[in-house]
Protein backbone atom coordinates (compact mmCIF):
# COMPACT_ATOMS: atom_id res chain seq x y z
CA MET A 1 -13.98 -16.46 6.56
CA THR A 2 -15.20 -19.62 4.98
CA ALA A 3 -13.38 -21.65 2.95
CA GLY A 4 -13.83 -22.16 -0.95
CA ASN A 5 -13.50 -25.32 -3.19
CA GLY A 6 -9.87 -25.54 -2.33
CA ARG A 7 -8.84 -25.22 -6.12
CA GLY A 8 -10.97 -22.56 -7.53
CA VAL A 9 -11.65 -18.88 -6.29
CA GLY A 10 -13.11 -19.43 -3.14
CA THR A 11 -14.52 -16.69 -0.77
CA ALA A 12 -12.63 -14.09 0.28
CA GLY A 13 -9.43 -14.76 2.29
CA SER A 14 -9.81 -18.39 1.31
CA VAL A 15 -7.09 -19.10 -1.21
CA GLY A 16 -4.78 -20.78 0.00
CA THR A 17 -5.99 -21.25 3.85
CA ALA A 18 -5.78 -24.84 5.32
CA ASP A 19 -9.16 -25.55 5.70
CA SER A 20 -9.99 -24.93 1.74
CA VAL A 21 -6.99 -27.23 0.77
CA ALA A 22 -4.59 -29.48 2.77
CA GLU A 23 -1.94 -28.50 5.50
CA ILE A 24 0.47 -26.01 4.66
CA ALA A 25 4.12 -26.20 6.03
CA GLU A 26 5.15 -23.93 8.88
CA ILE A 27 7.37 -20.79 7.41
CA ALA A 28 10.66 -19.83 9.28
CA ILE A 29 13.70 -17.95 7.73
CA GLY A 30 15.85 -20.56 6.46
CA GLY A 31 12.72 -23.21 6.99
CA GLU A 32 10.76 -24.39 4.34
CA ILE A 33 8.81 -22.18 1.98
CA ALA A 34 4.78 -22.61 2.57
CA VAL A 35 3.63 -23.92 -0.16
CA ASP A 36 -0.26 -24.67 -0.08
CA LEU A 37 -1.02 -28.26 -1.31
CA GLY A 38 -4.12 -29.74 -3.10
CA VAL A 39 -3.84 -27.15 -5.96
CA GLY A 40 -3.79 -27.83 -9.38
CA GLU A 41 -0.95 -27.57 -11.64
CA GLN A 42 -3.02 -26.61 -14.66
CA GLY A 43 -0.29 -26.90 -17.61
CA PHE A 44 2.65 -25.82 -14.97
CA ASP A 45 5.45 -27.99 -14.17
CA ALA A 46 5.80 -28.49 -10.47
CA GLY A 47 9.51 -28.38 -10.33
CA ARG A 48 9.67 -25.55 -12.27
CA LEU A 49 7.17 -23.76 -9.93
CA VAL A 50 9.51 -24.64 -6.75
CA ALA A 51 12.45 -23.00 -8.62
CA VAL A 52 10.42 -19.90 -8.73
CA ASP A 53 9.74 -20.02 -5.08
CA ARG A 54 13.55 -20.91 -4.45
CA PHE A 55 14.58 -17.70 -6.58
CA LEU A 56 12.32 -15.38 -4.59
CA ARG A 57 13.16 -16.94 -1.05
CA ARG A 58 16.97 -15.37 -1.82
CA TYR A 59 15.32 -12.15 -1.47
CA VAL A 60 14.19 -12.74 2.01
CA ASP A 61 17.15 -14.90 3.00
CA GLN A 62 19.92 -12.50 1.92
CA GLY A 63 17.66 -9.55 3.31
CA GLN A 64 16.56 -7.72 0.53
CA LEU A 65 12.46 -8.46 1.23
CA PRO A 66 10.91 -8.97 4.47
CA GLY A 67 8.49 -11.30 3.04
CA TRP A 68 6.55 -12.06 -0.18
CA SER A 69 3.10 -14.21 -1.02
CA LEU A 70 2.54 -15.64 -4.65
CA LEU A 71 -0.92 -16.68 -6.09
CA ILE A 72 -0.74 -18.19 -9.60
CA SER A 73 -4.37 -19.16 -11.15
CA ARG A 74 -5.11 -20.78 -14.54
CA ASN A 75 -8.48 -21.35 -16.47
CA GLY A 76 -10.13 -20.40 -13.01
CA GLU A 77 -8.22 -22.78 -10.61
CA VAL A 78 -5.16 -21.75 -8.21
CA ALA A 79 -2.38 -23.59 -9.52
CA HIS A 80 0.17 -22.19 -7.00
CA HIS A 81 0.15 -20.35 -3.90
CA SER A 82 3.40 -19.85 -1.81
CA ARG A 83 4.74 -17.69 0.59
CA TYR A 84 7.81 -17.07 2.70
CA GLY A 85 9.58 -14.64 5.43
CA TYR A 86 7.77 -12.03 7.35
CA ARG A 87 5.00 -9.66 7.70
CA ASP A 88 6.82 -8.02 10.55
CA ARG A 89 10.49 -8.64 10.57
CA GLU A 90 10.74 -7.28 14.24
CA ALA A 91 8.55 -9.12 15.92
CA GLY A 92 9.09 -12.50 14.27
CA LEU A 93 5.41 -12.60 12.50
CA PRO A 94 5.14 -14.94 9.31
CA ILE A 95 3.38 -13.91 6.14
CA GLU A 96 0.02 -16.13 6.62
CA PRO A 97 -2.57 -16.49 3.83
CA ASP A 98 -4.58 -13.45 5.36
CA THR A 99 -1.96 -10.78 5.71
CA LEU A 100 -2.80 -7.43 4.57
CA PHE A 101 -0.55 -5.20 2.32
CA ARG A 102 -0.77 -1.81 1.01
CA ILE A 103 -1.70 -2.18 -2.42
CA TYR A 104 -0.53 1.21 -3.30
CA SER A 105 -1.54 1.94 -7.35
CA MET A 106 -3.36 -1.49 -7.45
CA THR A 107 -5.79 0.37 -6.48
CA LYS A 108 -6.26 2.05 -9.76
CA PRO A 109 -8.01 -1.06 -11.65
CA VAL A 110 -10.53 -0.76 -8.67
CA THR A 111 -11.34 2.83 -9.34
CA SER A 112 -10.93 2.56 -13.25
CA VAL A 113 -14.07 -0.34 -12.62
CA ALA A 114 -15.93 1.68 -10.41
CA ALA A 115 -16.05 4.34 -13.09
CA MET A 116 -16.89 2.10 -15.91
CA MET A 117 -19.72 0.59 -14.13
CA LEU A 118 -21.35 4.28 -14.34
CA TYR A 119 -20.23 4.50 -17.78
CA GLU A 120 -22.54 1.66 -18.62
CA GLN A 121 -25.15 3.29 -16.88
CA GLY A 122 -25.08 6.45 -19.14
CA ALA A 123 -23.70 8.57 -15.98
CA PHE A 124 -21.14 10.13 -18.49
CA ASP A 125 -19.29 10.14 -21.90
CA LEU A 126 -15.52 9.11 -21.87
CA ASN A 127 -15.00 12.25 -24.14
CA ASP A 128 -17.43 14.80 -21.40
CA PRO A 129 -15.06 17.72 -19.66
CA VAL A 130 -13.83 16.50 -16.13
CA SER A 131 -15.38 20.03 -15.31
CA ARG A 132 -18.64 18.93 -15.80
CA PHE A 133 -18.46 17.09 -12.72
CA ILE A 134 -15.59 18.91 -10.87
CA PRO A 135 -16.21 22.82 -11.68
CA GLU A 136 -12.77 23.71 -10.53
CA PHE A 137 -11.36 21.96 -13.56
CA GLU A 138 -13.05 24.64 -16.25
CA ASP A 139 -10.12 26.81 -17.13
CA VAL A 140 -6.82 25.16 -16.32
CA ARG A 141 -3.76 25.90 -17.63
CA VAL A 142 -0.60 24.17 -18.92
CA TYR A 143 3.39 24.73 -18.34
CA ALA A 144 5.03 26.56 -20.90
CA GLY A 145 8.49 27.25 -19.29
CA GLY A 146 10.34 28.61 -16.89
CA THR A 147 11.19 27.32 -13.05
CA ALA A 148 9.01 25.83 -10.05
CA THR A 149 9.44 29.15 -8.65
CA ASN A 150 8.53 31.19 -11.78
CA PRO A 151 6.60 28.93 -14.16
CA SER A 152 4.78 30.57 -17.14
CA THR A 153 1.47 29.27 -18.43
CA VAL A 154 -0.73 29.05 -21.63
CA PRO A 155 -4.37 28.27 -21.10
CA ALA A 156 -5.58 24.66 -22.32
CA ALA A 157 -6.40 23.73 -25.74
CA GLU A 158 -9.27 21.35 -24.63
CA PRO A 159 -10.54 20.33 -21.48
CA ILE A 160 -9.13 17.65 -19.50
CA ARG A 161 -12.05 14.62 -20.48
CA ILE A 162 -12.83 11.42 -18.44
CA ARG A 163 -10.59 9.29 -21.07
CA HIS A 164 -7.78 11.39 -20.20
CA LEU A 165 -7.92 10.27 -16.62
CA LEU A 166 -8.58 6.90 -17.25
CA THR A 167 -5.48 6.55 -19.68
CA HIS A 168 -3.27 8.91 -17.69
CA THR A 169 -3.11 11.35 -20.64
CA SER A 170 -4.47 14.16 -18.57
CA GLY A 171 -1.19 16.23 -18.01
CA LEU A 172 -1.77 15.96 -14.21
CA THR A 173 1.53 14.58 -12.43
CA TYR A 174 2.81 13.22 -9.38
CA GLY A 175 5.18 15.61 -6.89
CA PHE A 176 6.95 12.46 -6.07
CA ASN A 177 7.86 11.85 -9.90
CA ARG A 178 10.81 14.76 -9.27
CA GLN A 179 11.49 14.90 -12.92
CA HIS A 180 9.93 18.32 -14.14
CA PRO A 181 9.05 21.64 -12.46
CA VAL A 182 5.36 21.06 -12.33
CA ASP A 183 6.09 17.68 -10.11
CA GLN A 184 8.20 20.33 -7.70
CA LEU A 185 4.88 22.98 -7.54
CA TYR A 186 3.00 19.91 -6.59
CA ARG A 187 5.58 19.19 -3.58
CA SER A 188 5.42 22.57 -2.97
CA ALA A 189 1.50 22.45 -2.15
CA GLY A 190 1.79 19.69 -0.05
CA PHE A 191 1.56 16.60 -2.36
CA ASP A 192 4.60 14.44 -2.50
CA ILE A 193 3.56 11.00 -1.21
CA GLY A 194 -0.43 11.48 -0.51
CA GLY A 195 -1.81 14.56 0.35
CA PRO A 196 -1.73 17.19 3.19
CA ALA A 197 -3.16 16.30 6.61
CA GLY A 198 -6.98 16.85 6.96
CA MET A 199 -7.61 17.48 3.27
CA ASP A 200 -10.42 15.39 1.79
CA LEU A 201 -10.61 14.13 -1.86
CA ALA A 202 -12.69 17.61 -2.99
CA ALA A 203 -10.34 19.59 -1.38
CA CYS A 204 -7.54 17.76 -3.28
CA CYS A 205 -9.08 17.93 -6.55
CA ALA A 206 -9.65 21.54 -6.09
CA ALA A 207 -5.90 22.26 -5.04
CA TRP A 208 -4.88 20.29 -8.30
CA ALA A 209 -6.72 21.68 -10.36
CA ARG A 210 -5.04 25.42 -9.71
CA LEU A 211 -1.70 23.68 -10.36
CA PRO A 212 -0.46 23.82 -14.11
CA LEU A 213 -0.51 20.66 -16.49
CA LEU A 214 2.81 19.30 -17.37
CA PHE A 215 0.98 19.37 -21.19
CA GLN A 216 -1.97 19.95 -23.17
CA PRO A 217 -4.57 17.00 -22.39
CA GLY A 218 -4.38 14.04 -24.41
CA SER A 219 -0.89 14.79 -25.78
CA ALA A 220 1.11 12.45 -24.06
CA TRP A 221 1.13 10.05 -21.11
CA ASN A 222 2.46 10.76 -17.44
CA TYR A 223 1.45 8.63 -14.12
CA SER A 224 -0.17 10.75 -12.34
CA ILE A 225 -3.26 11.88 -9.46
CA SER A 226 -5.75 11.39 -12.50
CA THR A 227 -7.30 8.13 -10.89
CA ASP A 228 -7.61 10.35 -7.71
CA VAL A 229 -9.62 12.94 -9.61
CA LEU A 230 -11.45 9.99 -11.10
CA GLY A 231 -12.49 8.70 -8.03
CA ARG A 232 -13.93 12.21 -7.12
CA VAL A 233 -16.21 11.80 -10.29
CA VAL A 234 -17.23 8.41 -8.75
CA GLU A 235 -18.10 10.44 -5.63
CA VAL A 236 -20.10 13.33 -7.44
CA LEU A 237 -21.42 10.88 -9.95
CA SER A 238 -23.04 8.43 -7.21
CA GLY A 239 -23.79 10.32 -4.52
CA GLN A 240 -21.68 8.10 -2.30
CA SER A 241 -18.13 8.36 -0.81
CA LEU A 242 -15.35 6.41 -2.84
CA GLU A 243 -15.48 4.10 0.17
CA ASP A 244 -19.01 3.41 0.07
CA PHE A 245 -19.25 3.05 -3.40
CA PHE A 246 -16.27 0.45 -3.41
CA GLN A 247 -17.98 -1.55 -0.32
CA ASP A 248 -21.61 -1.20 -1.82
CA ARG A 249 -21.03 -1.91 -5.27
CA ILE A 250 -17.59 -3.62 -5.63
CA PHE A 251 -16.08 -5.39 -2.65
CA GLY A 252 -19.58 -6.77 -1.48
CA PRO A 253 -20.40 -7.97 -4.31
CA LEU A 254 -17.04 -9.71 -5.39
CA GLY A 255 -16.67 -11.06 -1.83
CA MET A 256 -13.71 -9.09 -0.95
CA THR A 257 -14.23 -8.86 2.57
CA ASP A 258 -10.78 -7.66 3.53
CA THR A 259 -10.04 -4.60 1.65
CA GLY A 260 -10.74 -1.18 2.45
CA PHE A 261 -9.48 2.18 2.84
CA ALA A 262 -8.58 1.60 6.76
CA VAL A 263 -7.40 -1.19 8.85
CA SER A 264 -9.82 -1.80 11.61
CA PRO A 265 -8.05 -2.38 15.30
CA SER A 266 -8.89 -6.50 14.89
CA GLN A 267 -6.80 -6.30 11.59
CA ARG A 268 -4.18 -4.42 12.66
CA ASN A 269 -2.07 -7.89 13.54
CA ARG A 270 -2.51 -8.72 10.13
CA LEU A 271 -1.12 -5.91 8.35
CA ALA A 272 2.42 -6.07 7.17
CA ALA A 273 4.91 -3.82 8.20
CA LEU A 274 6.47 -1.53 5.23
CA TYR A 275 9.66 -1.67 4.61
CA GLY A 276 12.28 0.60 2.61
CA PRO A 277 15.57 -1.05 1.38
CA PRO A 278 19.17 -1.17 3.13
CA LEU A 279 21.07 2.64 3.09
CA ALA A 280 24.26 0.32 2.39
CA ARG A 281 25.42 -2.98 0.84
CA GLY A 282 24.53 -5.47 3.11
CA GLY A 283 22.66 -3.71 5.70
CA THR A 284 19.40 -4.41 6.95
CA LEU A 285 15.75 -3.26 6.02
CA ARG A 286 14.52 -0.16 7.17
CA ARG A 287 10.69 0.36 8.75
CA ALA A 288 9.12 2.99 6.66
CA GLY A 289 6.04 4.76 7.26
CA ALA A 290 3.15 4.36 10.23
CA ASP A 291 0.85 1.93 10.74
CA LEU A 292 -2.83 2.88 9.01
CA ALA A 293 -5.43 4.57 10.95
CA ASP A 294 -8.72 3.43 11.41
CA GLY A 295 -10.32 5.99 9.34
CA VAL A 296 -8.78 8.35 6.65
CA SER A 297 -9.69 11.85 5.37
CA PHE A 298 -8.37 11.56 1.94
CA LEU A 299 -9.66 8.36 -0.06
CA SER A 300 -7.27 8.09 -2.92
CA GLY A 301 -8.55 5.94 -5.64
CA GLY A 302 -5.17 5.89 -6.89
CA GLY A 303 -3.32 4.19 -4.09
CA GLY A 304 -5.15 4.29 -0.66
CA LEU A 305 -5.96 0.48 -0.41
CA VAL A 306 -5.44 -2.31 1.95
CA GLY A 307 -6.01 -5.85 1.28
CA SER A 308 -5.29 -9.61 0.95
CA ILE A 309 -3.88 -11.45 -1.79
CA GLY A 310 -7.24 -13.65 -1.61
CA ASP A 311 -9.10 -10.92 -2.20
CA TYR A 312 -7.02 -9.47 -5.10
CA HIS A 313 -7.41 -13.15 -6.49
CA ARG A 314 -10.84 -12.68 -6.50
CA PHE A 315 -10.66 -9.23 -8.09
CA THR A 316 -8.53 -10.60 -11.19
CA GLN A 317 -10.85 -13.31 -11.79
CA PHE A 318 -13.60 -11.36 -12.00
CA LEU A 319 -11.46 -9.45 -14.66
CA LEU A 320 -10.36 -12.44 -16.46
CA ARG A 321 -14.08 -13.78 -16.82
CA GLY A 322 -15.28 -10.28 -18.42
CA GLY A 323 -16.75 -8.30 -15.51
CA GLU A 324 -18.49 -11.48 -13.57
CA LEU A 325 -17.73 -13.77 -10.70
CA ASP A 326 -19.97 -16.28 -8.94
CA GLY A 327 -22.77 -15.02 -10.74
CA GLN A 328 -22.30 -11.59 -9.71
CA ARG A 329 -21.88 -9.08 -12.70
CA LEU A 330 -20.60 -5.89 -12.27
CA LEU A 331 -19.43 -4.79 -15.84
CA GLY A 332 -20.20 -6.21 -19.54
CA ASN A 333 -17.69 -8.40 -20.83
CA ARG A 334 -17.44 -5.92 -23.95
CA THR A 335 -16.91 -3.06 -21.62
CA VAL A 336 -13.85 -5.02 -19.81
CA GLY A 337 -12.17 -5.74 -23.29
CA TYR A 338 -12.97 -2.32 -24.24
CA MET A 339 -11.01 -1.24 -21.01
CA VAL A 340 -8.02 -3.48 -21.82
CA ARG A 341 -7.21 -2.27 -25.35
CA ASP A 342 -4.58 0.35 -26.02
CA HIS A 343 -6.00 3.75 -25.52
CA LEU A 344 -3.03 5.98 -26.26
CA PRO A 345 -3.08 8.12 -28.84
CA ALA A 346 -0.95 6.97 -32.13
CA GLY A 347 2.68 7.17 -31.62
CA ILE A 348 2.71 6.97 -27.90
CA ASP A 349 3.59 3.83 -25.46
CA LEU A 350 5.01 3.43 -22.15
CA ALA A 351 8.98 3.53 -23.66
CA GLU A 352 9.47 6.84 -21.42
CA ALA A 353 8.41 5.65 -18.12
CA GLY A 354 10.51 2.22 -19.05
CA LYS A 355 8.24 0.01 -20.38
CA PRO A 356 8.80 -0.46 -24.09
CA GLY A 357 6.03 -2.45 -26.06
CA GLN A 358 3.37 -1.22 -23.59
CA GLY A 359 0.20 0.96 -23.90
CA PHE A 360 -2.28 1.74 -21.54
CA GLY A 361 -6.09 1.10 -21.52
CA LEU A 362 -8.68 2.85 -19.12
CA GLY A 363 -6.88 1.57 -16.00
CA PHE A 364 -4.43 -0.98 -17.03
CA ALA A 365 -1.35 -1.08 -18.86
CA VAL A 366 -1.35 -3.33 -21.79
CA LEU A 367 0.96 -5.41 -23.52
CA LEU A 368 1.26 -4.62 -27.27
CA ASP A 369 4.53 -6.18 -28.47
CA PRO A 370 6.19 -8.95 -26.21
CA THR A 371 9.13 -8.88 -28.42
CA ARG A 372 9.66 -5.20 -27.99
CA SER A 373 9.41 -5.15 -24.36
CA ALA A 374 12.08 -7.46 -24.12
CA ILE A 375 9.71 -9.47 -21.27
CA ILE A 376 8.05 -12.59 -21.91
CA GLY A 377 4.21 -12.44 -21.96
CA SER A 378 1.06 -12.82 -24.07
CA ARG A 379 -0.03 -9.63 -26.46
CA GLY A 380 -2.71 -8.32 -24.85
CA GLU A 381 -2.08 -9.05 -21.06
CA PHE A 382 -3.06 -6.34 -18.85
CA GLY A 383 -1.98 -5.51 -15.21
CA TRP A 384 -0.31 -2.91 -13.03
CA GLY A 385 1.34 -3.15 -9.57
CA GLY A 386 1.87 -0.92 -6.78
CA ALA A 387 4.44 1.34 -4.77
CA ALA A 388 5.90 -1.52 -1.99
CA SER A 389 6.83 -3.67 -5.27
CA THR A 390 3.28 -5.43 -5.63
CA THR A 391 2.36 -6.36 -8.82
CA PHE A 392 -0.53 -8.49 -10.78
CA TRP A 393 -1.37 -8.88 -14.24
CA VAL A 394 -4.02 -11.19 -16.18
CA ASP A 395 -3.43 -13.24 -19.37
CA PRO A 396 -6.50 -13.91 -21.27
CA VAL A 397 -4.72 -15.83 -23.87
CA GLU A 398 -3.34 -18.28 -21.43
CA LYS A 399 -6.26 -17.66 -19.11
CA MET A 400 -3.65 -17.13 -16.30
CA THR A 401 -3.83 -14.62 -13.23
CA VAL A 402 -0.73 -13.69 -11.30
CA ILE A 403 -0.61 -11.56 -7.83
CA PHE A 404 2.74 -10.92 -6.09
CA MET A 405 2.63 -9.22 -2.72
CA THR A 406 5.38 -7.88 -0.43
CA GLN A 407 5.97 -4.50 1.34
CA LEU A 408 9.32 -3.07 0.02
CA TYR A 409 9.13 0.79 -1.19
CA PRO A 410 10.02 2.10 -3.67
CA SER A 411 8.64 -0.60 -6.12
CA GLY A 412 11.78 -0.11 -8.53
CA THR A 413 14.40 -1.34 -6.16
CA TYR A 414 14.75 -4.72 -7.68
CA PRO A 415 13.77 -6.09 -10.95
CA LEU A 416 11.21 -8.16 -9.31
CA ARG A 417 8.46 -7.91 -11.85
CA SER A 418 10.25 -8.68 -14.82
CA GLN A 419 12.12 -11.77 -12.97
CA LEU A 420 8.57 -12.75 -12.19
CA ARG A 421 7.30 -13.04 -15.74
CA GLN A 422 10.84 -14.84 -16.85
CA LEU A 423 9.99 -17.36 -14.17
CA ILE A 424 6.25 -18.20 -14.37
CA TYR A 425 6.35 -18.08 -18.36
CA ALA A 426 8.84 -20.84 -17.91
CA ALA A 427 7.14 -22.97 -15.78
CA LEU A 428 4.11 -23.04 -18.29
CA VAL A 429 4.77 -26.13 -20.34
CA ASP A 430 1.63 -27.36 -21.68
CA GLN A 431 0.60 -26.94 -25.59
CA ILE A 432 0.91 -23.18 -26.65
CA PRO A 433 -2.55 -21.75 -27.22
CA SER A 434 -3.23 -20.90 -30.79
């Protein structure tokens, strides 16, 4: 890895390294929080940023998180990069600047960008039926009643369209949602968390097409495998595997050298272990899941990537800058602007998902009404999170990006995401943008 300029984006993996800034404190539980020195404050109160770190430190000291890494940038400059705790508690290995994290659903914006790159080439129209590219979706049916063992279905009134995949209004679902008989049908077919062993993306799409939809396409919002299906559309249209498309068209041009679907043998020592919460109050974190193999058969555009905080910082800077970074333009700025508008049908927001005042664009949640959401932020802010409690957001009004990495599954265990917004916006004290 090579160092950047110390205050800007730098190259992949260089954000917060001792080479690109000043020396960093040694990290130890019960010791000091590691903060990369020499980064600019960019309108933040330094003492209030320290308070953010101290607040997050308690999660580790109380045994609720294994460790974390936080990176805040503003105006294209790193304003704060801190970390604390372990990537592997049992082995005593600390979080480092180049630690690799399972980002799970933070993969979705990458897949959405890939699709919109093809859109800009005229490869599809947002209203195109998915069946044009994946024929198995030609005659989908919709759940109409009954149980998971004896469901009744009706024909879909209209096809699933590409825009339905981008906005999660397709009627598809996740087996792990565990709220509806169709969710149970997914689990019965082997789709709970991930897919059955040995199935590739094409085979998974064929299996999903045989399962009933939750609702008529375009009529509601439901978090789902829609982005995985979108990833298959990218494969069909590009003639490449999703892995190769990402590498050739996104990761390579953006300098994201540490992001991919698999972890190589040389990277495994950098991969943070995945943990589950204690089973009882006062208990200890539990190891959850196995280390990732060198190769995977199911390339999940909805949740399969592993990467570093430095790499995702470069991705968020690309978004904040309207589709360009370091002279590499992957999307037009009008396209990015279109993606981060609310695309949900009139009268629908994410309230049923516990996110009132938020809409959904083409691959991102979009903050529509900070007052209704009861979370401080800027109208038009966009982002998403991952199943292991990771999160990011981009605030175009404040010209700010925030990335938080940890490895605790499931993501709703603690209210980390809302707390991060409270603390970070409280630390921003310069003149409010007009």
